[in-house]
């Protein structure tokens, strides 16, 4: 089915993008602490936990959709990808505010 193949391809691409973002966040957090800065603030930990929950929900939805070959679920996966991006943008904006306030 060509439509399923296209959805599958988009889903794999979305997962790669999510993995790239997650890797970047981990590297930045590690580098921050490795540079002898204080640990993450409670607010930063909360933001990262919220992001983790979004990512886990997306991964679970994706695995279920791929196993069931459920074409309708692909739209939810793309929506979750966009929610993750928006959440990361929000976290970035808050971090910029924290840096400016220091």
PDB file of N, CA and C in Angstrom:
ATOM      1  N   UNK A   1       0.840  -1.183   0.000  1.00  0.00           N
ATOM      2  CA  UNK A   1       0.000   0.000   0.000  1.00  0.00           C
ATOM      3  C   UNK A   1       0.888   1.250   0.000  1.00  0.00           C
ATOM      4  N   UNK A   2       0.835   2.042  -1.048  1.00  0.00           N
ATOM      5  CA  UNK A   2       1.685   3.239  -1.139  1.00  0.00           C
ATOM      6  C   UNK A   2       1.437   4.258  -0.032  1.00  0.00           C
ATOM      7  N   UNK A   3       0.166   4.408   0.379  1.00  0.00           N
ATOM      8  CA  UNK A   3      -0.157   5.373   1.440  1.00  0.00           C
ATOM      9  C   UNK A   3       0.492   4.945   2.755  1.00  0.00           C
ATOM     10  N   UNK A   4       0.427   3.663   3.064  1.00  0.00           N
ATOM     11  CA  UNK A   4       1.049   3.162   4.290  1.00  0.00           C
ATOM     12  C   UNK A   4       2.555   3.371   4.226  1.00  0.00           C
ATOM     13  N   UNK A   5       3.150   3.131   3.081  1.00  0.00           N
ATOM     14  CA  UNK A   5       4.595   3.322   2.924  1.00  0.00           C
ATOM     15  C   UNK A   5       4.991   4.772   3.170  1.00  0.00           C
ATOM     16  N   UNK A   6       4.184   5.690   2.660  1.00  0.00           N
ATOM     17  CA  UNK A   6       4.471   7.115   2.870  1.00  0.00           C
ATOM     18  C   UNK A   6       4.318   7.476   4.340  1.00  0.00           C
ATOM     19  N   UNK A   7       3.266   6.985   4.978  1.00  0.00           N
ATOM     20  CA  UNK A   7       3.071   7.237   6.406  1.00  0.00           C
ATOM     21  C   UNK A   7       4.201   6.628   7.223  1.00  0.00           C
ATOM     22  N   UNK A   8       4.585   5.426   6.863  1.00  0.00           N
ATOM     23  CA  UNK A   8       5.676   4.743   7.557  1.00  0.00           C
ATOM     24  C   UNK A   8       6.963   5.560   7.435  1.00  0.00           C
ATOM     25  N   UNK A   9       7.233   6.039   6.247  1.00  0.00           N
ATOM     26  CA  UNK A   9       8.430   6.848   6.008  1.00  0.00           C
ATOM     27  C   UNK A   9       8.408   8.126   6.837  1.00  0.00           C
ATOM     28  N   UNK A  10       7.256   8.793   6.878  1.00  0.00           N
ATOM     29  CA  UNK A  10       7.122  10.016   7.682  1.00  0.00           C
ATOM     30  C   UNK A  10       7.310   9.715   9.167  1.00  0.00           C
ATOM     31  N   UNK A  11       6.797   8.581   9.592  1.00  0.00           N
ATOM     32  CA  UNK A  11       6.915   8.191  10.999  1.00  0.00           C
ATOM     33  C   UNK A  11       8.372   7.946  11.368  1.00  0.00           C
ATOM     34  N   UNK A  12       9.080   7.233  10.538  1.00  0.00           N
ATOM     35  CA  UNK A  12      10.506   6.969  10.791  1.00  0.00           C
ATOM     36  C   UNK A  12      11.277   8.283  10.817  1.00  0.00           C
ATOM     37  N   UNK A  13      10.960   9.181   9.901  1.00  0.00           N
ATOM     38  CA  UNK A  13      11.606  10.497   9.869  1.00  0.00           C
ATOM     39  C   UNK A  13      11.316  11.276  11.152  1.00  0.00           C
ATOM     40  N   UNK A  14      10.081  11.217  11.619  1.00  0.00           N
ATOM     41  CA  UNK A  14       9.712  11.903  12.864  1.00  0.00           C
ATOM     42  C   UNK A  14      10.485  11.319  14.043  1.00  0.00           C
ATOM     43  N   UNK A  15      10.607   9.997  14.085  1.00  0.00           N
ATOM     44  CA  UNK A  15      11.362   9.358  15.164  1.00  0.00           C
ATOM     45  C   UNK A  15      12.833   9.764  15.137  1.00  0.00           C
ATOM     46  N   UNK A  16      13.392   9.870  13.959  1.00  0.00           N
ATOM     47  CA  UNK A  16      14.784  10.314  13.843  1.00  0.00           C
ATOM     48  C   UNK A  16      14.939  11.741  14.353  1.00  0.00           C
ATOM     49  N   UNK A  17      13.989  12.599  14.007  1.00  0.00           N
ATOM     50  CA  UNK A  17      14.032  13.975  14.489  1.00  0.00           C
ATOM     51  C   UNK A  17      13.920  14.051  15.998  1.00  0.00           C
ATOM     52  N   UNK A  18      13.025  13.245  16.572  1.00  0.00           N
ATOM     53  CA  UNK A  18      12.865  13.209  18.022  1.00  0.00           C
ATOM     54  C   UNK A  18      14.147  12.713  18.680  1.00  0.00           C
ATOM     55  N   UNK A  19      14.736  11.670  18.123  1.00  0.00           N
ATOM     56  CA  UNK A  19      15.987  11.135  18.675  1.00  0.00           C
ATOM     57  C   UNK A  19      17.096  12.182  18.618  1.00  0.00           C
ATOM     58  N   UNK A  20      17.177  12.925  17.526  1.00  0.00           N
ATOM     59  CA  UNK A  20      18.181  13.984  17.408  1.00  0.00           C
ATOM     60  C   UNK A  20      17.989  15.049  18.473  1.00  0.00           C
ATOM     61  N   UNK A  21      16.748  15.477  18.679  1.00  0.00           N
ATOM     62  CA  UNK A  21      16.461  16.494  19.700  1.00  0.00           C
ATOM     63  C   UNK A  21      16.790  15.987  21.093  1.00  0.00           C
ATOM     64  N   UNK A  22      16.406  14.748  21.355  1.00  0.00           N
ATOM     65  CA  UNK A  22      16.669  14.163  22.668  1.00  0.00           C
ATOM     66  C   UNK A  22      18.175  14.074  22.924  1.00  0.00           C
ATOM     67  N   UNK A  23      18.926  13.662  21.920  1.00  0.00           N
ATOM     68  CA  UNK A  23      20.386  13.588  22.051  1.00  0.00           C
ATOM     69  C   UNK A  23      20.972  14.977  22.337  1.00  0.00           C
ATOM     70  N   UNK A  24      20.500  15.991  21.624  1.00  0.00           N
ATOM     71  CA  UNK A  24      21.005  17.346  21.832  1.00  0.00           C
ATOM     72  C   UNK A  24      20.734  17.833  23.249  1.00  0.00           C
ATOM     73  N   UNK A  25      19.551  17.536  23.768  1.00  0.00           N
ATOM     74  CA  UNK A  25      19.205  17.950  25.133  1.00  0.00           C
ATOM     75  C   UNK A  25      20.113  17.259  26.140  1.00  0.00           C
ATOM     76  N   UNK A  26      20.338  15.970  25.958  1.00  0.00           N
ATOM     77  CA  UNK A  26      21.197  15.220  26.880  1.00  0.00           C
ATOM     78  C   UNK A  26      22.616  15.762  26.841  1.00  0.00           C
ATOM     79  N   UNK A  27      23.133  16.023  25.653  1.00  0.00           N
ATOM     80  CA  UNK A  27      24.495  16.549  25.525  1.00  0.00           C
ATOM     81  C   UNK A  27      24.606  17.915  26.197  1.00  0.00           C
ATOM     82  N   UNK A  28      23.615  18.770  26.000  1.00  0.00           N
ATOM     83  CA  UNK A  28      23.661  20.104  26.620  1.00  0.00           C
ATOM     84  C   UNK A  28      23.605  20.024  28.139  1.00  0.00           C
ATOM     85  N   UNK A  29      22.745  19.158  28.664  1.00  0.00           N
ATOM     86  CA  UNK A  29      22.649  19.006  30.120  1.00  0.00           C
ATOM     87  C   UNK A  29      23.955  18.450  30.679  1.00  0.00           C
ATOM     88  N   UNK A  30      24.516  17.461  30.017  1.00  0.00           N
ATOM     89  CA  UNK A  30      25.785  16.877  30.461  1.00  0.00           C
ATOM     90  C   UNK A  30      26.901  17.918  30.415  1.00  0.00           C
ATOM     91  N   UNK A  31      26.987  18.661  29.326  1.00  0.00           N
ATOM     92  CA  UNK A  31      28.022  19.684  29.174  1.00  0.00           C
ATOM     93  C   UNK A  31      27.873  20.752  30.243  1.00  0.00           C
ATOM     94  N   UNK A  32      26.657  21.145  30.542  1.00  0.00           N
ATOM     95  CA  UNK A  32      26.392  22.158  31.566  1.00  0.00           C
ATOM     96  C   UNK A  32      26.981  21.716  32.904  1.00  0.00           C
ATOM     97  N   UNK A  33      26.689  20.500  33.300  1.00  0.00           N
ATOM     98  CA  UNK A  33      27.177  20.002  34.587  1.00  0.00           C
ATOM     99  C   UNK A  33      28.667  19.714  34.517  1.00  0.00           C
ATOM    100  N   UNK A  34      29.143  19.220  33.379  1.00  0.00           N
ATOM    101  CA  UNK A  34      30.562  18.919  33.205  1.00  0.00           C
ATOM    102  C   UNK A  34      31.418  20.184  33.266  1.00  0.00           C
ATOM    103  N   UNK A  35      30.823  21.337  32.958  1.00  0.00           N
ATOM    104  CA  UNK A  35      31.550  22.615  33.029  1.00  0.00           C
ATOM    105  C   UNK A  35      31.547  23.183  34.443  1.00  0.00           C
ATOM    106  N   UNK A  36      31.288  22.317  35.422  1.00  0.00           N
ATOM    107  CA  UNK A  36      31.292  22.673  36.840  1.00  0.00           C
ATOM    108  C   UNK A  36      30.218  23.680  37.218  1.00  0.00           C
ATOM    109  N   UNK A  37      29.131  23.709  36.449  1.00  0.00           N
ATOM    110  CA  UNK A  37      27.984  24.513  36.833  1.00  0.00           C
ATOM    111  C   UNK A  37      27.182  23.728  37.862  1.00  0.00           C
ATOM    112  N   UNK A  38      26.297  24.426  38.539  1.00  0.00           N
ATOM    113  CA  UNK A  38      25.406  23.745  39.471  1.00  0.00           C
ATOM    114  C   UNK A  38      24.552  22.753  38.700  1.00  0.00           C
ATOM    115  N   UNK A  39      23.949  21.842  39.440  1.00  0.00           N
ATOM    116  CA  UNK A  39      23.010  20.919  38.814  1.00  0.00           C
ATOM    117  C   UNK A  39      21.829  21.684  38.255  1.00  0.00           C
ATOM    118  N   UNK A  40      20.965  20.982  37.594  1.00  0.00           N
ATOM    119  CA  UNK A  40      19.798  21.617  36.992  1.00  0.00           C
ATOM    120  C   UNK A  40      18.844  22.119  38.074  1.00  0.00           C
ATOM    121  N   UNK A  41      18.196  23.225  37.785  1.00  0.00           N
ATOM    122  CA  UNK A  41      17.191  23.783  38.687  1.00  0.00           C
ATOM    123  C   UNK A  41      15.964  22.879  38.720  1.00  0.00           C
ATOM    124  N   UNK A  42      15.172  23.001  39.784  1.00  0.00           N
ATOM    125  CA  UNK A  42      13.934  22.222  39.871  1.00  0.00           C
ATOM    126  C   UNK A  42      13.032  22.485  38.670  1.00  0.00           C
ATOM    127  N   UNK A  43      12.958  23.750  38.253  1.00  0.00           N
ATOM    128  CA  UNK A  43      12.115  24.090  37.102  1.00  0.00           C
ATOM    129  C   UNK A  43      12.635  23.431  35.820  1.00  0.00           C
ATOM    130  N   UNK A  44      13.954  23.347  35.679  1.00  0.00           N
ATOM    131  CA  UNK A  44      14.532  22.692  34.506  1.00  0.00           C
ATOM    132  C   UNK A  44      14.235  21.184  34.536  1.00  0.00           C
ATOM    133  N   UNK A  45      14.345  20.601  35.718  1.00  0.00           N
ATOM    134  CA  UNK A  45      14.042  19.169  35.849  1.00  0.00           C
ATOM    135  C   UNK A  45      12.576  18.896  35.524  1.00  0.00           C
ATOM    136  N   UNK A  46      11.688  19.773  35.971  1.00  0.00           N
ATOM    137  CA  UNK A  46      10.260  19.624  35.674  1.00  0.00           C
ATOM    138  C   UNK A  46      10.024  19.706  34.168  1.00  0.00           C
ATOM    139  N   UNK A  47      10.645  20.684  33.526  1.00  0.00           N
ATOM    140  CA  UNK A  47      10.495  20.842  32.074  1.00  0.00           C
ATOM    141  C   UNK A  47      10.986  19.593  31.336  1.00  0.00           C
ATOM    142  N   UNK A  48      12.104  19.049  31.782  1.00  0.00           N
ATOM    143  CA  UNK A  48      12.648  17.858  31.130  1.00  0.00           C
ATOM    144  C   UNK A  48      11.767  16.631  31.380  1.00  0.00           C
ATOM    145  N   UNK A  49      11.191  16.539  32.572  1.00  0.00           N
ATOM    146  CA  UNK A  49      10.273  15.417  32.856  1.00  0.00           C
ATOM    147  C   UNK A  49       9.041  15.505  31.964  1.00  0.00           C
ATOM    148  N   UNK A  50       8.512  16.712  31.786  1.00  0.00           N
ATOM    149  CA  UNK A  50       7.349  16.892  30.907  1.00  0.00           C
ATOM    150  C   UNK A  50       7.699  16.476  29.477  1.00  0.00           C
ATOM    151  N   UNK A  51       8.878  16.866  29.036  1.00  0.00           N
ATOM    152  CA  UNK A  51       9.333  16.500  27.696  1.00  0.00           C
ATOM    153  C   UNK A  51       9.490  14.987  27.583  1.00  0.00           C
ATOM    154  N   UNK A  52      10.072  14.383  28.610  1.00  0.00           N
ATOM    155  CA  UNK A  52      10.243  12.923  28.621  1.00  0.00           C
ATOM    156  C   UNK A  52       8.894  12.234  28.484  1.00  0.00           C
ATOM    157  N   UNK A  53       7.880  12.724  29.200  1.00  0.00           N
ATOM    158  CA  UNK A  53       6.549  12.118  29.123  1.00  0.00           C
ATOM    159  C   UNK A  53       5.970  12.217  27.715  1.00  0.00           C
ATOM    160  N   UNK A  54       6.154  13.366  27.062  1.00  0.00           N
ATOM    161  CA  UNK A  54       5.694  13.533  25.675  1.00  0.00           C
ATOM    162  C   UNK A  54       6.412  12.551  24.741  1.00  0.00           C
ATOM    163  N   UNK A  55       7.708  12.406  24.936  1.00  0.00           N
ATOM    164  CA  UNK A  55       8.497  11.515  24.082  1.00  0.00           C
ATOM    165  C   UNK A  55       8.071  10.065  24.292  1.00  0.00           C
ATOM    166  N   UNK A  56       7.904   9.672  25.551  1.00  0.00           N
ATOM    167  CA  UNK A  56       7.487   8.290  25.825  1.00  0.00           C
ATOM    168  C   UNK A  56       6.114   8.018  25.225  1.00  0.00           C
ATOM    169  N   UNK A  57       5.174   8.955  25.375  1.00  0.00           N
ATOM    170  CA  UNK A  57       3.845   8.787  24.788  1.00  0.00           C
ATOM    171  C   UNK A  57       3.944   8.618  23.277  1.00  0.00           C
ATOM    172  N   UNK A  58       4.800   9.400  22.657  1.00  0.00           N
ATOM    173  CA  UNK A  58       4.972   9.314  21.207  1.00  0.00           C
ATOM    174  C   UNK A  58       5.578   7.973  20.802  1.00  0.00           C
ATOM    175  N   UNK A  59       6.568   7.522  21.544  1.00  0.00           N
ATOM    176  CA  UNK A  59       7.196   6.237  21.211  1.00  0.00           C
ATOM    177  C   UNK A  59       6.226   5.068  21.382  1.00  0.00           C
ATOM    178  N   UNK A  60       5.436   5.106  22.442  1.00  0.00           N
ATOM    179  CA  UNK A  60       4.439   4.047  22.661  1.00  0.00           C
ATOM    180  C   UNK A  60       3.397   4.068  21.546  1.00  0.00           C
ATOM    181  N   UNK A  61       2.882   5.261  21.232  1.00  0.00           N
ATOM    182  CA  UNK A  61       1.890   5.387  20.152  1.00  0.00           C
ATOM    183  C   UNK A  61       2.458   4.902  18.826  1.00  0.00           C
ATOM    184  N   UNK A  62       3.698   5.249  18.584  1.00  0.00           N
ATOM    185  CA  UNK A  62       4.336   4.865  17.327  1.00  0.00           C
ATOM    186  C   UNK A  62       4.503   3.362  17.234  1.00  0.00           C
ATOM    187  N   UNK A  63       4.988   2.751  18.301  1.00  0.00           N
ATOM    188  CA  UNK A  63       5.185   1.300  18.248  1.00  0.00           C
ATOM    189  C   UNK A  63       3.855   0.580  18.063  1.00  0.00           C
ATOM    190  N   UNK A  64       2.817   1.056  18.748  1.00  0.00           N
ATOM    191  CA  UNK A  64       1.500   0.436  18.594  1.00  0.00           C
ATOM    192  C   UNK A  64       0.970   0.616  17.169  1.00  0.00           C
ATOM    193  N   UNK A  65       1.157   1.796  16.608  1.00  0.00           N
ATOM    194  CA  UNK A  65       0.674   2.058  15.247  1.00  0.00           C
ATOM    195  C   UNK A  65       1.413   1.202  14.227  1.00  0.00           C
ATOM    196  N   UNK A  66       2.719   1.064  14.410  1.00  0.00           N
ATOM    197  CA  UNK A  66       3.494   0.268  13.460  1.00  0.00           C
ATOM    198  C   UNK A  66       3.145  -1.216  13.556  1.00  0.00           C
ATOM    199  N   UNK A  67       2.976  -1.703  14.778  1.00  0.00           N
ATOM    200  CA  UNK A  67       2.626  -3.116  14.956  1.00  0.00           C
ATOM    201  C   UNK A  67       1.254  -3.405  14.353  1.00  0.00           C
ATOM    202  N   UNK A  68       0.299  -2.517  14.612  1.00  0.00           N
ATOM    203  CA  UNK A  68      -1.073  -2.724  14.135  1.00  0.00           C
ATOM    204  C   UNK A  68      -1.275  -2.262  12.690  1.00  0.00           C
ATOM    205  N   UNK A  69      -0.260  -1.612  12.135  1.00  0.00           N
ATOM    206  CA  UNK A  69      -0.383  -1.012  10.805  1.00  0.00           C
ATOM    207  C   UNK A  69      -1.621  -0.120  10.743  1.00  0.00           C
ATOM    208  N   UNK A  70      -1.795   0.655  11.823  1.00  0.00           N
ATOM    209  CA  UNK A  70      -2.953   1.533  11.976  1.00  0.00           C
ATOM    210  C   UNK A  70      -2.664   2.890  11.347  1.00  0.00           C
ATOM    211  N   UNK A  71      -3.206   3.098  10.177  1.00  0.00           N
ATOM    212  CA  UNK A  71      -2.948   4.327   9.430  1.00  0.00           C
ATOM    213  C   UNK A  71      -3.482   5.565  10.146  1.00  0.00           C
ATOM    214  N   UNK A  72      -4.576   5.418  10.886  1.00  0.00           N
ATOM    215  CA  UNK A  72      -5.172   6.562  11.575  1.00  0.00           C
ATOM    216  C   UNK A  72      -4.259   7.103  12.675  1.00  0.00           C
ATOM    217  N   UNK A  73      -3.442   6.241  13.255  1.00  0.00           N
ATOM    218  CA  UNK A  73      -2.564   6.658  14.346  1.00  0.00           C
ATOM    219  C   UNK A  73      -1.401   7.530  13.870  1.00  0.00           C
ATOM    220  N   UNK A  74      -1.094   7.469  12.584  1.00  0.00           N
ATOM    221  CA  UNK A  74       0.031   8.257  12.082  1.00  0.00           C
ATOM    222  C   UNK A  74      -0.206   9.751  12.271  1.00  0.00           C
ATOM    223  N   UNK A  75      -1.437  10.185  12.173  1.00  0.00           N
ATOM    224  CA  UNK A  75      -1.747  11.610  12.384  1.00  0.00           C
ATOM    225  C   UNK A  75      -1.439  12.016  13.822  1.00  0.00           C
ATOM    226  N   UNK A  76      -1.748  11.142  14.782  1.00  0.00           N
ATOM    227  CA  UNK A  76      -1.442  11.433  16.186  1.00  0.00           C
ATOM    228  C   UNK A  76       0.071  11.511  16.401  1.00  0.00           C
ATOM    229  N   UNK A  77       0.800  10.656  15.725  1.00  0.00           N
ATOM    230  CA  UNK A  77       2.259  10.661  15.849  1.00  0.00           C
ATOM    231  C   UNK A  77       2.812  11.995  15.350  1.00  0.00           C
ATOM    232  N   UNK A  78       2.324  12.471  14.220  1.00  0.00           N
ATOM    233  CA  UNK A  78       2.785  13.753  13.688  1.00  0.00           C
ATOM    234  C   UNK A  78       2.385  14.894  14.622  1.00  0.00           C
ATOM    235  N   UNK A  79       1.191  14.797  15.212  1.00  0.00           N
ATOM    236  CA  UNK A  79       0.755  15.812  16.162  1.00  0.00           C
ATOM    237  C   UNK A  79       1.679  15.814  17.381  1.00  0.00           C
ATOM    238  N   UNK A  80       2.017  14.630  17.886  1.00  0.00           N
ATOM    239  CA  UNK A  80       2.928  14.543  19.030  1.00  0.00           C
ATOM    240  C   UNK A  80       4.299  15.106  18.687  1.00  0.00           C
ATOM    241  N   UNK A  81       4.759  14.852  17.477  1.00  0.00           N
ATOM    242  CA  UNK A  81       6.053  15.394  17.050  1.00  0.00           C
ATOM    243  C   UNK A  81       6.016  16.920  17.135  1.00  0.00           C
ATOM    244  N   UNK A  82       4.919  17.512  16.674  1.00  0.00           N
ATOM    245  CA  UNK A  82       4.786  18.971  16.725  1.00  0.00           C
ATOM    246  C   UNK A  82       4.681  19.472  18.160  1.00  0.00           C
ATOM    247  N   UNK A  83       3.982  18.716  19.028  1.00  0.00           N
ATOM    248  CA  UNK A  83       3.905  19.088  20.437  1.00  0.00           C
ATOM    249  C   UNK A  83       5.286  19.060  21.090  1.00  0.00           C
ATOM    250  N   UNK A  84       6.073  18.067  20.746  1.00  0.00           N
ATOM    251  CA  UNK A  84       7.435  17.972  21.288  1.00  0.00           C
ATOM    252  C   UNK A  84       8.253  19.173  20.843  1.00  0.00           C
ATOM    253  N   UNK A  85       8.164  19.518  19.571  1.00  0.00           N
ATOM    254  CA  UNK A  85       8.911  20.678  19.063  1.00  0.00           C
ATOM    255  C   UNK A  85       8.493  21.948  19.786  1.00  0.00           C
ATOM    256  N   UNK A  86       7.179  22.146  19.958  1.00  0.00           N
ATOM    257  CA  UNK A  86       6.689  23.337  20.657  1.00  0.00           C
ATOM    258  C   UNK A  86       7.170  23.357  22.108  1.00  0.00           C
ATOM    259  N   UNK A  87       7.177  22.198  22.746  1.00  0.00           N
ATOM    260  CA  UNK A  87       7.631  22.130  24.137  1.00  0.00           C
ATOM    261  C   UNK A  87       9.120  22.469  24.227  1.00  0.00           C
ATOM    262  N   UNK A  88       9.899  21.971  23.291  1.00  0.00           N
ATOM    263  CA  UNK A  88      11.333  22.285  23.276  1.00  0.00           C
ATOM    264  C   UNK A  88      11.531  23.781  23.057  1.00  0.00           C
ATOM    265  N   UNK A  89      10.774  24.367  22.146  1.00  0.00           N
ATOM    266  CA  UNK A  89      10.877  25.809  21.910  1.00  0.00           C
ATOM    267  C   UNK A  89      10.532  26.594  23.174  1.00  0.00           C
ATOM    268  N   UNK A  90       9.512  26.132  23.902  1.00  0.00           N
ATOM    269  CA  UNK A  90       9.104  26.785  25.148  1.00  0.00           C
ATOM    270  C   UNK A  90      10.213  26.663  26.205  1.00  0.00           C
ATOM    271  N   UNK A  91      10.805  25.475  26.296  1.00  0.00           N
ATOM    272  CA  UNK A  91      11.912  25.265  27.240  1.00  0.00           C
ATOM    273  C   UNK A  91      13.083  26.180  26.887  1.00  0.00           C
ATOM    274  N   UNK A  92      13.405  26.265  25.611  1.00  0.00           N
ATOM    275  CA  UNK A  92      14.500  27.138  25.170  1.00  0.00           C
ATOM    276  C   UNK A  92      14.230  28.586  25.551  1.00  0.00           C
ATOM    277  N   UNK A  93      13.004  29.042  25.331  1.00  0.00           N
ATOM    278  CA  UNK A  93      12.653  30.434  25.660  1.00  0.00           C
ATOM    279  C   UNK A  93      12.780  30.683  27.159  1.00  0.00           C
ATOM    280  N   UNK A  94      12.324  29.734  27.967  1.00  0.00           N
ATOM    281  CA  UNK A  94      12.453  29.881  29.419  1.00  0.00           C
ATOM    282  C   UNK A  94      13.911  29.906  29.850  1.00  0.00           C
ATOM    283  N   UNK A  95      14.729  29.083  29.201  1.00  0.00           N
ATOM    284  CA  UNK A  95      16.150  29.050  29.547  1.00  0.00           C
ATOM    285  C   UNK A  95      16.819  30.379  29.190  1.00  0.00           C
ATOM    286  N   UNK A  96      16.451  30.948  28.070  1.00  0.00           N
ATOM    287  CA  UNK A  96      17.002  32.253  27.676  1.00  0.00           C
ATOM    288  C   UNK A  96      16.616  33.303  28.714  1.00  0.00           C
ATOM    289  N   UNK A  97      15.356  33.270  29.178  1.00  0.00           N
ATOM    290  CA  UNK A  97      14.921  34.201  30.230  1.00  0.00           C
ATOM    291  C   UNK A  97      15.744  34.017  31.500  1.00  0.00           C
ATOM    292  N   UNK A  98      15.990  32.761  31.876  1.00  0.00           N
ATOM    293  CA  UNK A  98      16.773  32.508  33.096  1.00  0.00           C
ATOM    294  C   UNK A  98      18.191  33.053  32.954  1.00  0.00           C
ATOM    295  N   UNK A  99      18.773  32.879  31.787  1.00  0.00           N
ATOM    296  CA  UNK A  99      20.141  33.372  31.551  1.00  0.00           C
ATOM    297  C   UNK A  99      20.165  34.883  31.615  1.00  0.00           C
ATOM    298  N   UNK A 100      19.186  35.537  31.024  1.00  0.00           N
ATOM    299  CA  UNK A 100      19.118  37.016  31.038  1.00  0.00           C
ATOM    300  C   UNK A 100      18.899  37.549  32.440  1.00  0.00           C
ATOM    301  N   UNK A 101      18.142  36.811  33.264  1.00  0.00           N
ATOM    302  CA  UNK A 101      17.854  37.263  34.619  1.00  0.00           C
ATOM    303  C   UNK A 101      19.045  37.113  35.561  1.00  0.00           C
ATOM    304  N   UNK A 102      20.006  36.266  35.197  1.00  0.00           N
ATOM    305  CA  UNK A 102      21.179  36.071  36.066  1.00  0.00           C
ATOM    306  C   UNK A 102      22.178  37.164  35.974  1.00  0.00           C
TER     307      UNK A 102
END
